[in-house]
Amino acid sequence: PAVVVAALGDIARARGMSDIAKASGITREALYKALRADAQPRFDTVNRVCAALGVKLVAQPVHA
């Protein structure tokens, strides 16, 4: 989970935290806090950031 959150934080900073904050409905300050290295954001926050970035997390069964 930490790697995913770190990657989302890197992408959000590259695209502009203000724009991602506005698109996700999360304040810019809360977004910085949620995506810092030692954070453990709620799934809802991760999902909203993904949606703002145009990314979807998918759980897919592994076929043996």
PDB file of N, CA and C in Angstrom:
ATOM      1  N   PRO A   1       0.800  -1.219   0.000  1.00  0.00           N
ATOM      2  CA  PRO A   1       0.000   0.000   0.000  1.00  0.00           C
ATOM      3  C   PRO A   1       0.840   1.280   0.000  1.00  0.00           C
ATOM      4  N   ALA A   2       1.968   1.259   0.704  1.00  0.00           N
ATOM      5  CA  ALA A   2       2.801   2.452   0.784  1.00  0.00           C
ATOM      6  C   ALA A   2       3.368   2.830  -0.580  1.00  0.00           C
ATOM      7  N   VAL A   3       3.710   1.856  -1.386  1.00  0.00           N
ATOM      8  CA  VAL A   3       4.255   2.132  -2.715  1.00  0.00           C
ATOM      9  C   VAL A   3       3.187   2.754  -3.616  1.00  0.00           C
ATOM     10  N   VAL A   4       1.977   2.253  -3.526  1.00  0.00           N
ATOM     11  CA  VAL A   4       0.872   2.801  -4.321  1.00  0.00           C
ATOM     12  C   VAL A   4       0.607   4.243  -3.915  1.00  0.00           C
ATOM     13  N   VAL A   5       0.558   4.510  -2.627  1.00  0.00           N
ATOM     14  CA  VAL A   5       0.311   5.866  -2.133  1.00  0.00           C
ATOM     15  C   VAL A   5       1.450   6.800  -2.547  1.00  0.00           C
ATOM     16  N   ALA A   6       2.674   6.323  -2.460  1.00  0.00           N
ATOM     17  CA  ALA A   6       3.820   7.141  -2.870  1.00  0.00           C
ATOM     18  C   ALA A   6       3.745   7.457  -4.364  1.00  0.00           C
ATOM     19  N   ALA A   7       3.388   6.472  -5.164  1.00  0.00           N
ATOM     20  CA  ALA A   7       3.264   6.695  -6.609  1.00  0.00           C
ATOM     21  C   ALA A   7       2.154   7.695  -6.914  1.00  0.00           C
ATOM     22  N   LEU A   8       1.020   7.562  -6.246  1.00  0.00           N
ATOM     23  CA  LEU A   8      -0.074   8.520  -6.445  1.00  0.00           C
ATOM     24  C   LEU A   8       0.358   9.924  -6.054  1.00  0.00           C
ATOM     25  N   GLY A   9       1.117  10.024  -4.970  1.00  0.00           N
ATOM     26  CA  GLY A   9       1.617  11.329  -4.540  1.00  0.00           C
ATOM     27  C   GLY A   9       2.547  11.941  -5.572  1.00  0.00           C
ATOM     28  N   ASP A  10       3.441  11.132  -6.138  1.00  0.00           N
ATOM     29  CA  ASP A  10       4.354  11.625  -7.170  1.00  0.00           C
ATOM     30  C   ASP A  10       3.586  12.109  -8.399  1.00  0.00           C
ATOM     31  N   ILE A  11       2.614  11.328  -8.819  1.00  0.00           N
ATOM     32  CA  ILE A  11       1.819  11.691  -9.995  1.00  0.00           C
ATOM     33  C   ILE A  11       0.999  12.946  -9.726  1.00  0.00           C
ATOM     34  N   ALA A  12       0.384  13.014  -8.556  1.00  0.00           N
ATOM     35  CA  ALA A  12      -0.433  14.175  -8.201  1.00  0.00           C
ATOM     36  C   ALA A  12       0.413  15.442  -8.157  1.00  0.00           C
ATOM     37  N   ARG A  13       1.610  15.354  -7.596  1.00  0.00           N
ATOM     38  CA  ARG A  13       2.495  16.527  -7.558  1.00  0.00           C
ATOM     39  C   ARG A  13       2.920  16.927  -8.965  1.00  0.00           C
ATOM     40  N   ALA A  14       3.176  15.946  -9.828  1.00  0.00           N
ATOM     41  CA  ALA A  14       3.584  16.237 -11.205  1.00  0.00           C
ATOM     42  C   ALA A  14       2.460  16.903 -11.993  1.00  0.00           C
ATOM     43  N   ARG A  15       1.235  16.505 -11.723  1.00  0.00           N
ATOM     44  CA  ARG A  15       0.096  17.077 -12.445  1.00  0.00           C
ATOM     45  C   ARG A  15      -0.432  18.359 -11.807  1.00  0.00           C
ATOM     46  N   GLY A  16      -0.034  18.606 -10.575  1.00  0.00           N
ATOM     47  CA  GLY A  16      -0.481  19.805  -9.865  1.00  0.00           C
ATOM     48  C   GLY A  16      -1.460  19.456  -8.765  1.00  0.00           C
ATOM     49  N   MET A  17      -1.005  19.599  -7.531  1.00  0.00           N
ATOM     50  CA  MET A  17      -1.835  19.227  -6.381  1.00  0.00           C
ATOM     51  C   MET A  17      -3.129  20.028  -6.322  1.00  0.00           C
ATOM     52  N   SER A  18      -3.082  21.284  -6.699  1.00  0.00           N
ATOM     53  CA  SER A  18      -4.302  22.098  -6.647  1.00  0.00           C
ATOM     54  C   SER A  18      -5.360  21.544  -7.584  1.00  0.00           C
ATOM     55  N   ASP A  19      -4.953  21.159  -8.792  1.00  0.00           N
ATOM     56  CA  ASP A  19      -5.908  20.605  -9.758  1.00  0.00           C
ATOM     57  C   ASP A  19      -6.465  19.267  -9.278  1.00  0.00           C
ATOM     58  N   ILE A  20      -5.599  18.420  -8.738  1.00  0.00           N
ATOM     59  CA  ILE A  20      -6.043  17.107  -8.256  1.00  0.00           C
ATOM     60  C   ILE A  20      -6.945  17.277  -7.029  1.00  0.00           C
ATOM     61  N   ALA A  21      -6.595  18.221  -6.163  1.00  0.00           N
ATOM     62  CA  ALA A  21      -7.423  18.477  -4.985  1.00  0.00           C
ATOM     63  C   ALA A  21      -8.823  18.910  -5.407  1.00  0.00           C
ATOM     64  N   LYS A  22      -8.885  19.812  -6.356  1.00  0.00           N
ATOM     65  CA  LYS A  22     -10.185  20.302  -6.830  1.00  0.00           C
ATOM     66  C   LYS A  22     -11.002  19.174  -7.465  1.00  0.00           C
ATOM     67  N   ALA A  23     -10.354  18.372  -8.306  1.00  0.00           N
ATOM     68  CA  ALA A  23     -11.044  17.282  -8.994  1.00  0.00           C
ATOM     69  C   ALA A  23     -11.487  16.172  -8.045  1.00  0.00           C
ATOM     70  N   SER A  24     -10.740  15.972  -6.963  1.00  0.00           N
ATOM     71  CA  SER A  24     -11.067  14.889  -6.028  1.00  0.00           C
ATOM     72  C   SER A  24     -12.003  15.339  -4.910  1.00  0.00           C
ATOM     73  N   GLY A  25     -12.156  16.660  -4.737  1.00  0.00           N
ATOM     74  CA  GLY A  25     -12.991  17.156  -3.653  1.00  0.00           C
ATOM     75  C   GLY A  25     -12.303  17.101  -2.302  1.00  0.00           C
ATOM     76  N   ILE A  26     -10.974  17.025  -2.309  1.00  0.00           N
ATOM     77  CA  ILE A  26     -10.171  16.980  -1.094  1.00  0.00           C
ATOM     78  C   ILE A  26      -9.353  18.265  -1.056  1.00  0.00           C
ATOM     79  N   THR A  27      -9.240  18.887   0.110  1.00  0.00           N
ATOM     80  CA  THR A  27      -8.450  20.113   0.183  1.00  0.00           C
ATOM     81  C   THR A  27      -6.991  19.810  -0.146  1.00  0.00           C
ATOM     82  N   ARG A  28      -6.318  20.800  -0.665  1.00  0.00           N
ATOM     83  CA  ARG A  28      -4.916  20.630  -1.050  1.00  0.00           C
ATOM     84  C   ARG A  28      -4.070  20.216   0.148  1.00  0.00           C
ATOM     85  N   GLU A  29      -4.317  20.830   1.285  1.00  0.00           N
ATOM     86  CA  GLU A  29      -3.554  20.502   2.488  1.00  0.00           C
ATOM     87  C   GLU A  29      -3.791  19.054   2.914  1.00  0.00           C
ATOM     88  N   ALA A  30      -5.050  18.626   2.876  1.00  0.00           N
ATOM     89  CA  ALA A  30      -5.382  17.248   3.245  1.00  0.00           C
ATOM     90  C   ALA A  30      -4.786  16.261   2.247  1.00  0.00           C
ATOM     91  N   LEU A  31      -4.717  16.658   0.997  1.00  0.00           N
ATOM     92  CA  LEU A  31      -4.137  15.797  -0.029  1.00  0.00           C
ATOM     93  C   LEU A  31      -2.641  15.604   0.207  1.00  0.00           C
ATOM     94  N   TYR A  32      -1.937  16.688   0.501  1.00  0.00           N
ATOM     95  CA  TYR A  32      -0.509  16.563   0.832  1.00  0.00           C
ATOM     96  C   TYR A  32      -0.315  15.641   2.027  1.00  0.00           C
ATOM     97  N   LYS A  33      -1.150  15.798   3.036  1.00  0.00           N
ATOM     98  CA  LYS A  33      -1.045  14.982   4.245  1.00  0.00           C
ATOM     99  C   LYS A  33      -1.331  13.502   3.947  1.00  0.00           C
ATOM    100  N   ALA A  34      -2.358  13.254   3.133  1.00  0.00           N
ATOM    101  CA  ALA A  34      -2.749  11.877   2.825  1.00  0.00           C
ATOM    102  C   ALA A  34      -1.733  11.159   1.955  1.00  0.00           C
ATOM    103  N   LEU A  35      -0.981  11.910   1.136  1.00  0.00           N
ATOM    104  CA  LEU A  35      -0.072  11.280   0.191  1.00  0.00           C
ATOM    105  C   LEU A  35       1.401  11.390   0.585  1.00  0.00           C
ATOM    106  N   ARG A  36       1.666  11.775   1.830  1.00  0.00           N
ATOM    107  CA  ARG A  36       3.064  11.818   2.268  1.00  0.00           C
ATOM    108  C   ARG A  36       3.562  10.392   2.521  1.00  0.00           C
ATOM    109  N   ALA A  37       4.863  10.250   2.629  1.00  0.00           N
ATOM    110  CA  ALA A  37       5.497   8.928   2.687  1.00  0.00           C
ATOM    111  C   ALA A  37       5.003   8.055   3.834  1.00  0.00           C
ATOM    112  N   ASP A  38       4.762   8.619   4.999  1.00  0.00           N
ATOM    113  CA  ASP A  38       4.380   7.806   6.160  1.00  0.00           C
ATOM    114  C   ASP A  38       2.870   7.746   6.388  1.00  0.00           C
ATOM    115  N   ALA A  39       2.096   8.194   5.425  1.00  0.00           N
ATOM    116  CA  ALA A  39       0.629   8.233   5.584  1.00  0.00           C
ATOM    117  C   ALA A  39      -0.004   6.875   5.309  1.00  0.00           C
ATOM    118  N   GLN A  40      -1.164   6.697   5.893  1.00  0.00           N
ATOM    119  CA  GLN A  40      -1.993   5.519   5.630  1.00  0.00           C
ATOM    120  C   GLN A  40      -3.400   6.009   5.317  1.00  0.00           C
ATOM    121  N   PRO A  41      -3.603   6.534   4.105  1.00  0.00           N
ATOM    122  CA  PRO A  41      -4.906   7.113   3.769  1.00  0.00           C
ATOM    123  C   PRO A  41      -5.998   6.052   3.686  1.00  0.00           C
ATOM    124  N   ARG A  42      -7.221   6.513   3.893  1.00  0.00           N
ATOM    125  CA  ARG A  42      -8.373   5.619   3.743  1.00  0.00           C
ATOM    126  C   ARG A  42      -8.520   5.233   2.278  1.00  0.00           C
ATOM    127  N   PHE A  43      -9.156   4.101   2.041  1.00  0.00           N
ATOM    128  CA  PHE A  43      -9.361   3.653   0.660  1.00  0.00           C
ATOM    129  C   PHE A  43     -10.170   4.672  -0.126  1.00  0.00           C
ATOM    130  N   ASP A  44     -11.136   5.294   0.506  1.00  0.00           N
ATOM    131  CA  ASP A  44     -11.952   6.306  -0.162  1.00  0.00           C
ATOM    132  C   ASP A  44     -11.073   7.435  -0.698  1.00  0.00           C
ATOM    133  N   THR A  45     -10.096   7.857   0.065  1.00  0.00           N
ATOM    134  CA  THR A  45      -9.188   8.922  -0.367  1.00  0.00           C
ATOM    135  C   THR A  45      -8.372   8.464  -1.569  1.00  0.00           C
ATOM    136  N   VAL A  46      -7.822   7.268  -1.504  1.00  0.00           N
ATOM    137  CA  VAL A  46      -7.045   6.722  -2.610  1.00  0.00           C
ATOM    138  C   VAL A  46      -7.922   6.618  -3.855  1.00  0.00           C
ATOM    139  N   ASN A  47      -9.128   6.156  -3.691  1.00  0.00           N
ATOM    140  CA  ASN A  47     -10.052   5.992  -4.812  1.00  0.00           C
ATOM    141  C   ASN A  47     -10.394   7.346  -5.443  1.00  0.00           C
ATOM    142  N   ARG A  48     -10.618   8.364  -4.624  1.00  0.00           N
ATOM    143  CA  ARG A  48     -10.941   9.701  -5.136  1.00  0.00           C
ATOM    144  C   ARG A  48      -9.759  10.313  -5.873  1.00  0.00           C
ATOM    145  N   VAL A  49      -8.552  10.095  -5.359  1.00  0.00           N
ATOM    146  CA  VAL A  49      -7.351  10.595  -6.033  1.00  0.00           C
ATOM    147  C   VAL A  49      -7.172   9.861  -7.363  1.00  0.00           C
ATOM    148  N   CYS A  50      -7.361   8.565  -7.362  1.00  0.00           N
ATOM    149  CA  CYS A  50      -7.261   7.799  -8.609  1.00  0.00           C
ATOM    150  C   CYS A  50      -8.250   8.322  -9.651  1.00  0.00           C
ATOM    151  N   ALA A  51      -9.473   8.550  -9.236  1.00  0.00           N
ATOM    152  CA  ALA A  51     -10.482   9.063 -10.159  1.00  0.00           C
ATOM    153  C   ALA A  51     -10.077  10.425 -10.702  1.00  0.00           C
ATOM    154  N   ALA A  52      -9.541  11.279  -9.853  1.00  0.00           N
ATOM    155  CA  ALA A  52      -9.091  12.605 -10.289  1.00  0.00           C
ATOM    156  C   ALA A  52      -7.932  12.506 -11.271  1.00  0.00           C
ATOM    157  N   LEU A  53      -7.124  11.461 -11.141  1.00  0.00           N
ATOM    158  CA  LEU A  53      -5.992  11.252 -12.038  1.00  0.00           C
ATOM    159  C   LEU A  53      -6.392  10.496 -13.300  1.00  0.00           C
ATOM    160  N   GLY A  54      -7.631  10.011 -13.351  1.00  0.00           N
ATOM    161  CA  GLY A  54      -8.078   9.233 -14.499  1.00  0.00           C
ATOM    162  C   GLY A  54      -7.572   7.807 -14.476  1.00  0.00           C
ATOM    163  N   VAL A  55      -7.370   7.284 -13.257  1.00  0.00           N
ATOM    164  CA  VAL A  55      -6.851   5.930 -13.068  1.00  0.00           C
ATOM    165  C   VAL A  55      -7.864   5.125 -12.271  1.00  0.00           C
ATOM    166  N   LYS A  56      -7.968   3.832 -12.572  1.00  0.00           N
ATOM    167  CA  LYS A  56      -8.880   2.971 -11.834  1.00  0.00           C
ATOM    168  C   LYS A  56      -8.101   1.782 -11.288  1.00  0.00           C
ATOM    169  N   LEU A  57      -8.243   1.534  -9.989  1.00  0.00           N
ATOM    170  CA  LEU A  57      -7.656   0.339  -9.385  1.00  0.00           C
ATOM    171  C   LEU A  57      -8.620  -0.826  -9.607  1.00  0.00           C
ATOM    172  N   VAL A  58      -8.074  -1.954 -10.009  1.00  0.00           N
ATOM    173  CA  VAL A  58      -8.909  -3.104 -10.320  1.00  0.00           C
ATOM    174  C   VAL A  58      -8.379  -4.343  -9.611  1.00  0.00           C
ATOM    175  N   ALA A  59      -9.276  -5.087  -8.967  1.00  0.00           N
ATOM    176  CA  ALA A  59      -8.920  -6.394  -8.405  1.00  0.00           C
ATOM    177  C   ALA A  59      -9.339  -7.433  -9.432  1.00  0.00           C
ATOM    178  N   GLN A  60      -8.395  -8.262  -9.817  1.00  0.00           N
ATOM    179  CA  GLN A  60      -8.652  -9.237 -10.862  1.00  0.00           C
ATOM    180  C   GLN A  60      -8.222 -10.611 -10.375  1.00  0.00           C
ATOM    181  N   PRO A  61      -9.050 -11.627 -10.593  1.00  0.00           N
ATOM    182  CA  PRO A  61      -8.652 -12.962 -10.136  1.00  0.00           C
ATOM    183  C   PRO A  61      -7.435 -13.475 -10.898  1.00  0.00           C
ATOM    184  N   VAL A  62      -6.622 -14.220 -10.202  1.00  0.00           N
ATOM    185  CA  VAL A  62      -5.448 -14.837 -10.819  1.00  0.00           C
ATOM    186  C   VAL A  62      -5.857 -16.234 -11.270  1.00  0.00           C
ATOM    187  N   HIS A  63      -5.625 -16.519 -12.517  1.00  0.00           N
ATOM    188  CA  HIS A  63      -5.962 -17.837 -13.046  1.00  0.00           C
ATOM    189  C   HIS A  63      -4.741 -18.751 -12.979  1.00  0.00           C
ATOM    190  N   ALA A  64      -4.943 -19.926 -12.415  1.00  0.00           N
ATOM    191  CA  ALA A  64      -3.823 -20.861 -12.269  1.00  0.00           C
ATOM    192  C   ALA A  64      -3.547 -21.622 -13.538  1.00  0.00           C
TER     193      ALA A  64
END
